[in-house]
Amino acid sequence: MLSRVNPNLKIPQAICICPTRELAQQNKAVLMRMGKFTGITCACAIPPAQKDYVSISRMPPITDQDGFRSDSERIMRDIQKSAGGCQVLLFSATFNEKVKDFVTKVIRDGNQIFVKKEELTLEKVKQYKVQIPDETAKIEVIRDKIFEFGQKVGQVIIFVKTRQSTKNVRNALTREDYVCSSIQGSLDQSEREKIIQEFKDGYTKVLISTGVLARGFDQAQVNLVINYDMPIKYGTRDEPDYEVYLHRVGRAGRFGRKGAVFNLLCGETDNVVMRKIEDYFQHQVPEVRNWKSEEDFETALKDAGLLE
């Protein structure tokens, strides 16, 4: 975008559409740094919208999923009507077949570059599964096993399923004097920005999140991700959301750094989900055999390169 924008034209010339406000703000920051000496300006519209030469908007992604098809088609119609010759590019760590089919219909004769699925397992990030007897034991594992080595590893993101779970996990850890924060979609914009900034600045080491931070959130110091709840597709009992899992794993070990992911499995449904994920990515995830063993978790973190 920066290479195609003319700073002498005082009109909006490019728009970057992002699925979450955190990603929109992150992309704006990158654009500002890269375009610092070009005279190109950038505004972030989450709302109210602000017009400038390059604008970043929190709008549904141009994809055919999560009910965004009509919005996507409307955006494309408006683009073609007002600037029929504009260039359209789509980027994602994941493109399922449904999205690919939709994209080829919307953008005809476009160039396509895909990475093979088996290359998306993020091998620099060690993934582990842990059999947990009940929900209470999940907190015990996080507190007494994984966080036992917390001073030796970087920042941690704990992914949960529901907004209520963010509160429950945060309260449980706070009672044990852990400084942590939580984020979920119902928070207002200013509160979300404050929480994200405190985490980025290192004031909080542990961030508990629903799916709002699964995609596109970059924080170099995050090298540990905990799947407190496994990602399951909406409306199903045991069908994994493979893309969300991949994006969650991708929050650890950013920019080529090492990282670890612990999947806390409680019950047969979680095990079915984990097996499907292993089959899908053709990657066998090793197991931390004894959830009560501090030594087993220490060995796992050493294997991941996070402990000496």
Protein backbone atom coordinates (compact mmCIF):
# COMPACT_ATOMS: atom_id res chain seq x y z
CA MET A 1 0.00 0.00 0.00
CA LEU A 2 2.76 2.43 0.92
CA SER A 3 4.45 1.86 -2.44
CA ARG A 4 1.27 2.70 -4.35
CA VAL A 5 0.04 5.72 -2.38
CA ASN A 6 0.88 9.21 -3.69
CA PRO A 7 1.39 11.58 -0.72
CA ASN A 8 0.71 14.57 -2.99
CA LEU A 9 -2.89 13.49 -3.49
CA LYS A 10 -4.84 14.59 -0.43
CA ILE A 11 -7.50 11.90 -0.71
CA PRO A 12 -7.98 8.39 0.71
CA GLN A 13 -6.14 5.97 -1.56
CA ALA A 14 -5.97 2.63 0.28
CA ILE A 15 -7.95 0.74 2.89
CA CYS A 16 -6.84 -2.24 4.99
CA ILE A 17 -9.80 -4.21 6.35
CA CYS A 18 -9.07 -6.18 9.53
CA PRO A 19 -11.19 -8.69 11.50
CA THR A 20 -10.42 -7.27 14.97
CA ARG A 21 -9.72 -3.84 16.39
CA GLU A 22 -6.44 -5.06 17.93
CA LEU A 23 -5.16 -6.14 14.53
CA ALA A 24 -6.32 -2.87 12.96
CA GLN A 25 -4.39 -0.88 15.57
CA GLN A 26 -1.34 -3.10 15.13
CA ASN A 27 -1.36 -2.66 11.35
CA LYS A 28 -1.73 1.09 11.73
CA ALA A 29 1.32 1.19 13.98
CA VAL A 30 3.35 -0.76 11.40
CA LEU A 31 2.21 1.52 8.58
CA MET A 32 3.11 4.60 10.61
CA ARG A 33 6.62 3.28 11.31
CA MET A 34 7.22 2.21 7.72
CA GLY A 35 5.82 5.42 6.26
CA LYS A 36 7.41 7.78 8.76
CA PHE A 37 9.53 9.68 6.24
CA THR A 38 7.24 9.40 3.21
CA GLY A 39 4.66 12.06 4.04
CA ILE A 40 1.94 9.42 3.99
CA THR A 41 -0.53 9.54 6.87
CA CYS A 42 -2.77 6.84 8.29
CA ALA A 43 -5.92 6.79 10.40
CA CYS A 44 -7.61 4.00 12.31
CA ALA A 45 -11.41 3.88 12.04
CA ILE A 46 -12.93 1.75 14.79
CA PRO A 47 -15.57 3.78 14.89
CA PRO A 48 -16.17 6.70 14.47
CA ALA A 49 -14.55 6.53 11.05
CA GLN A 50 -11.78 8.96 10.24
CA LYS A 51 -10.81 9.75 6.66
CA ASP A 52 -7.22 10.11 5.68
CA TYR A 53 -4.87 9.03 2.95
CA VAL A 54 -4.61 5.46 4.23
CA SER A 55 -7.35 4.23 6.54
CA ILE A 56 -7.52 1.09 8.64
CA SER A 57 -11.07 -0.01 9.39
CA ARG A 58 -12.50 -2.56 11.79
CA MET A 59 -14.86 -4.18 9.31
CA PRO A 60 -15.65 -7.83 8.55
CA PRO A 61 -12.90 -9.52 6.51
CA ILE A 62 -13.56 -10.14 2.82
CA THR A 63 -14.31 -13.79 3.39
CA ASP A 64 -17.28 -16.07 3.11
CA GLN A 65 -17.56 -17.20 6.71
CA ASP A 66 -19.08 -16.18 10.06
CA GLY A 67 -22.00 -14.54 8.26
CA PHE A 68 -19.79 -11.93 6.54
CA ARG A 69 -20.66 -12.95 2.98
CA SER A 70 -23.15 -10.13 2.33
CA ASP A 71 -20.86 -7.53 3.91
CA SER A 72 -17.94 -8.80 1.86
CA GLU A 73 -19.91 -8.64 -1.38
CA ARG A 74 -21.17 -5.14 -0.55
CA ILE A 75 -17.63 -3.91 0.11
CA MET A 76 -16.41 -5.36 -3.17
CA ARG A 77 -19.33 -3.83 -5.11
CA ASP A 78 -18.62 -0.41 -3.59
CA ILE A 79 -14.91 -0.72 -4.42
CA GLN A 80 -15.61 -1.70 -8.02
CA LYS A 81 -18.17 1.08 -8.41
CA SER A 82 -15.93 3.85 -7.07
CA ALA A 83 -12.52 2.56 -8.17
CA GLY A 84 -12.91 -0.32 -10.54
CA GLY A 85 -9.20 -0.57 -11.29
CA CYS A 86 -8.00 -0.91 -7.73
CA GLN A 87 -5.79 -3.80 -6.65
CA VAL A 88 -7.22 -6.23 -4.08
CA LEU A 89 -5.00 -8.48 -1.96
CA LEU A 90 -6.03 -10.96 0.73
CA PHE A 91 -3.67 -12.32 3.37
CA SER A 92 -4.27 -14.96 6.01
CA ALA A 93 -2.38 -17.70 7.81
CA THR A 94 -5.31 -19.97 6.89
CA PHE A 95 -7.63 -20.26 3.89
CA ASN A 96 -10.14 -23.09 4.06
CA GLU A 97 -11.81 -24.47 0.93
CA LYS A 98 -15.00 -22.47 1.49
CA VAL A 99 -13.04 -19.22 1.62
CA LYS A 100 -10.94 -20.17 -1.43
CA ASP A 101 -14.09 -20.84 -3.42
CA PHE A 102 -15.58 -17.50 -2.42
CA VAL A 103 -12.39 -15.57 -3.21
CA THR A 104 -12.13 -17.05 -6.71
CA LYS A 105 -15.69 -15.91 -7.40
CA VAL A 106 -15.12 -12.39 -6.12
CA ILE A 107 -11.62 -11.89 -7.58
CA ARG A 108 -11.46 -13.54 -10.98
CA ASP A 109 -8.12 -14.47 -12.55
CA GLY A 110 -6.20 -13.50 -9.42
CA ASN A 111 -2.74 -14.79 -8.55
CA GLN A 112 -2.73 -17.31 -5.71
CA ILE A 113 0.15 -18.22 -3.43
CA PHE A 114 -0.45 -20.92 -0.80
CA VAL A 115 1.79 -22.61 1.73
CA LYS A 116 1.20 -26.34 2.12
CA LYS A 117 -0.92 -27.27 5.12
CA GLU A 118 1.76 -29.56 6.56
CA GLU A 119 4.14 -26.60 6.65
CA LEU A 120 1.79 -24.69 8.95
CA THR A 121 2.49 -26.72 12.07
CA LEU A 122 4.88 -24.08 13.40
CA GLU A 123 7.63 -26.49 14.34
CA LYS A 124 9.55 -23.88 16.31
CA VAL A 125 6.64 -23.99 18.77
CA LYS A 126 6.46 -27.17 20.85
CA GLN A 127 2.90 -28.38 21.44
CA TYR A 128 1.93 -30.60 24.36
CA LYS A 129 -1.26 -32.22 25.59
CA VAL A 130 -2.02 -32.74 29.26
CA GLN A 131 -4.75 -35.03 30.60
CA ILE A 132 -6.59 -33.19 33.39
CA PRO A 133 -9.18 -34.90 35.65
CA ASP A 134 -11.46 -31.86 36.15
CA GLU A 135 -11.76 -28.09 35.77
CA THR A 136 -10.31 -27.39 39.21
CA ALA A 137 -7.17 -29.31 38.31
CA LYS A 138 -6.63 -27.02 35.30
CA ILE A 139 -5.99 -24.09 37.61
CA GLU A 140 -3.73 -26.27 39.74
CA VAL A 141 -1.65 -27.26 36.70
CA ILE A 142 -1.30 -23.65 35.55
CA ARG A 143 -0.49 -22.36 39.01
CA ASP A 144 1.68 -25.10 40.51
CA LYS A 145 3.31 -26.68 37.45
CA ILE A 146 3.55 -24.29 34.50
CA PHE A 147 3.83 -21.04 36.46
CA GLU A 148 6.38 -22.64 38.79
CA PHE A 149 8.88 -21.73 36.07
CA GLY A 150 7.19 -18.44 35.23
CA GLN A 151 10.16 -16.28 36.14
CA LYS A 152 12.29 -18.14 33.60
CA VAL A 153 9.91 -17.85 30.63
CA GLY A 154 8.30 -14.86 28.96
CA GLN A 155 4.70 -13.72 28.77
CA VAL A 156 1.74 -16.09 28.70
CA ILE A 157 -1.64 -16.07 26.93
CA ILE A 158 -4.36 -18.36 28.29
CA PHE A 159 -7.19 -19.00 25.81
CA VAL A 160 -10.64 -19.80 27.16
CA LYS A 161 -14.03 -20.41 25.56
CA THR A 162 -16.39 -17.91 27.17
CA ARG A 163 -16.42 -14.43 28.67
CA GLN A 164 -17.35 -15.90 32.03
CA SER A 165 -14.31 -18.18 31.86
CA THR A 166 -12.01 -15.16 31.52
CA LYS A 167 -13.36 -13.86 34.81
CA ASN A 168 -13.23 -17.25 36.54
CA VAL A 169 -9.64 -18.02 35.54
CA ARG A 170 -8.45 -14.50 36.33
CA ASN A 171 -10.13 -14.55 39.77
CA ALA A 172 -8.63 -17.96 40.55
CA LEU A 173 -5.12 -16.82 39.65
CA THR A 174 -5.49 -13.42 41.30
CA ARG A 175 -6.41 -15.12 44.57
CA GLU A 176 -2.99 -16.77 44.36
CA ASP A 177 -1.34 -13.34 43.96
CA TYR A 178 -0.59 -13.68 40.23
CA VAL A 179 -0.77 -10.38 38.37
CA CYS A 180 -2.86 -11.04 35.29
CA SER A 181 -5.37 -9.35 33.05
CA SER A 182 -8.25 -10.57 30.92
CA ILE A 183 -9.83 -9.47 27.67
CA GLN A 184 -13.02 -10.39 25.86
CA GLY A 185 -15.28 -8.93 23.22
CA SER A 186 -17.82 -7.17 25.44
CA LEU A 187 -15.27 -4.72 26.88
CA ASP A 188 -15.44 -1.20 25.50
CA GLN A 189 -12.72 0.02 23.18
CA SER A 190 -10.81 2.13 25.70
CA GLU A 191 -10.66 -0.71 28.22
CA ARG A 192 -9.45 -3.21 25.61
CA GLU A 193 -6.77 -0.79 24.44
CA LYS A 194 -5.63 -0.21 28.02
CA ILE A 195 -5.36 -3.95 28.74
CA ILE A 196 -3.48 -4.64 25.50
CA GLN A 197 -1.07 -1.76 26.07
CA GLU A 198 -0.31 -2.85 29.65
CA PHE A 199 0.43 -6.35 28.36
CA LYS A 200 2.62 -5.04 25.54
CA ASP A 201 4.49 -2.82 28.01
CA GLY A 202 5.10 -5.80 30.28
CA TYR A 203 3.08 -4.57 33.27
CA THR A 204 1.12 -7.82 33.18
CA LYS A 205 2.75 -11.12 32.35
CA VAL A 206 -0.36 -13.25 31.98
CA LEU A 207 -3.25 -12.40 29.66
CA ILE A 208 -6.47 -14.44 29.68
CA SER A 209 -8.42 -14.12 26.45
CA THR A 210 -11.35 -15.44 24.47
CA GLY A 211 -10.89 -15.72 20.71
CA VAL A 212 -10.44 -11.96 20.21
CA LEU A 213 -6.63 -12.27 20.34
CA ALA A 214 -6.26 -15.56 18.49
CA ARG A 215 -5.54 -13.90 15.15
CA GLY A 216 -2.86 -11.42 14.24
CA PHE A 217 -1.81 -10.33 17.73
CA ASP A 218 1.98 -9.98 17.79
CA GLN A 219 3.91 -9.71 21.03
CA ALA A 220 7.52 -10.84 20.83
CA GLN A 221 7.74 -11.68 24.54
CA VAL A 222 4.91 -14.24 24.39
CA ASN A 223 6.51 -17.67 24.29
CA LEU A 224 3.89 -19.68 26.18
CA VAL A 225 0.26 -20.33 25.20
CA ILE A 226 -2.18 -22.37 27.26
CA ASN A 227 -5.36 -23.73 25.70
CA TYR A 228 -7.50 -23.84 28.83
CA ASP A 229 -10.41 -24.67 26.51
CA MET A 230 -9.92 -26.29 23.11
CA PRO A 231 -11.26 -24.34 20.11
CA ILE A 232 -14.49 -25.90 18.83
CA LYS A 233 -16.57 -24.71 15.88
CA TYR A 234 -19.74 -22.93 16.87
CA GLY A 235 -22.77 -25.19 17.00
CA THR A 236 -20.78 -28.43 17.18
CA ARG A 237 -19.85 -30.67 20.08
CA ASP A 238 -16.43 -31.96 19.06
CA GLU A 239 -15.52 -30.44 15.69
CA PRO A 240 -12.26 -28.50 16.13
CA ASP A 241 -11.81 -25.03 14.74
CA TYR A 242 -8.53 -25.87 13.06
CA GLU A 243 -7.79 -22.33 11.94
CA VAL A 244 -8.32 -20.90 15.41
CA TYR A 245 -6.05 -23.57 16.88
CA LEU A 246 -3.33 -22.72 14.38
CA HIS A 247 -3.66 -19.01 15.10
CA ARG A 248 -3.52 -19.62 18.86
CA VAL A 249 -0.35 -21.66 18.48
CA GLY A 250 1.03 -18.84 16.38
CA ARG A 251 0.82 -16.38 19.27
CA ALA A 252 3.80 -18.14 20.87
CA GLY A 253 7.26 -17.93 19.42
CA ARG A 254 6.67 -14.94 17.16
CA PHE A 255 9.38 -13.75 14.77
CA GLY A 256 11.23 -17.07 14.79
CA ARG A 257 11.54 -17.31 18.56
CA LYS A 258 10.96 -20.55 20.46
CA GLY A 259 7.70 -21.21 22.24
CA ALA A 260 5.47 -23.82 23.87
CA VAL A 261 1.75 -24.60 23.86
CA PHE A 262 -0.01 -26.66 26.53
CA ASN A 263 -3.42 -28.13 25.63
CA LEU A 264 -5.34 -28.95 28.81
CA LEU A 265 -7.64 -31.87 28.00
CA CYS A 266 -10.51 -32.70 30.32
CA GLY A 267 -12.78 -35.56 29.28
CA GLU A 268 -13.37 -37.57 26.12
CA THR A 269 -14.66 -34.63 24.06
CA ASP A 270 -11.37 -32.77 24.46
CA ASN A 271 -9.47 -35.91 23.51
CA VAL A 272 -11.57 -36.36 20.36
CA VAL A 273 -10.89 -32.72 19.43
CA MET A 274 -7.15 -33.17 20.02
CA ARG A 275 -7.00 -36.33 17.90
CA LYS A 276 -8.78 -34.59 15.04
CA ILE A 277 -6.32 -31.69 15.24
CA GLU A 278 -3.38 -34.10 15.15
CA ASP A 279 -4.84 -35.88 12.12
CA TYR A 280 -5.63 -32.65 10.31
CA PHE A 281 -2.14 -31.19 10.69
CA GLN A 282 -0.46 -34.62 10.41
CA HIS A 283 1.43 -33.82 13.59
CA GLN A 284 1.52 -36.02 16.68
CA VAL A 285 1.44 -33.86 19.81
CA PRO A 286 3.46 -35.38 22.68
CA GLU A 287 1.83 -35.82 26.06
CA VAL A 288 2.93 -34.60 29.46
CA ARG A 289 2.13 -37.92 31.07
CA ASN A 290 1.67 -36.98 34.70
CA TRP A 291 -0.24 -33.75 35.30
CA LYS A 292 0.93 -33.80 38.94
CA SER A 293 4.62 -34.04 38.07
CA GLU A 294 6.54 -30.79 38.21
CA GLU A 295 9.51 -32.59 36.66
CA ASP A 296 7.48 -33.58 33.59
CA PHE A 297 6.54 -29.95 32.92
CA GLU A 298 10.12 -28.85 33.48
CA THR A 299 11.27 -31.42 30.90
CA ALA A 300 8.64 -30.18 28.43
CA LEU A 301 9.75 -26.56 28.81
CA LYS A 302 13.38 -27.59 28.40
CA ASP A 303 12.53 -29.51 25.22
CA ALA A 304 10.81 -26.37 23.94
CA GLY A 305 13.99 -24.41 24.55
CA LEU A 306 12.46 -22.17 27.21
CA LEU A 307 14.55 -23.52 30.09
CA GLU A 308 18.23 -24.40 30.23
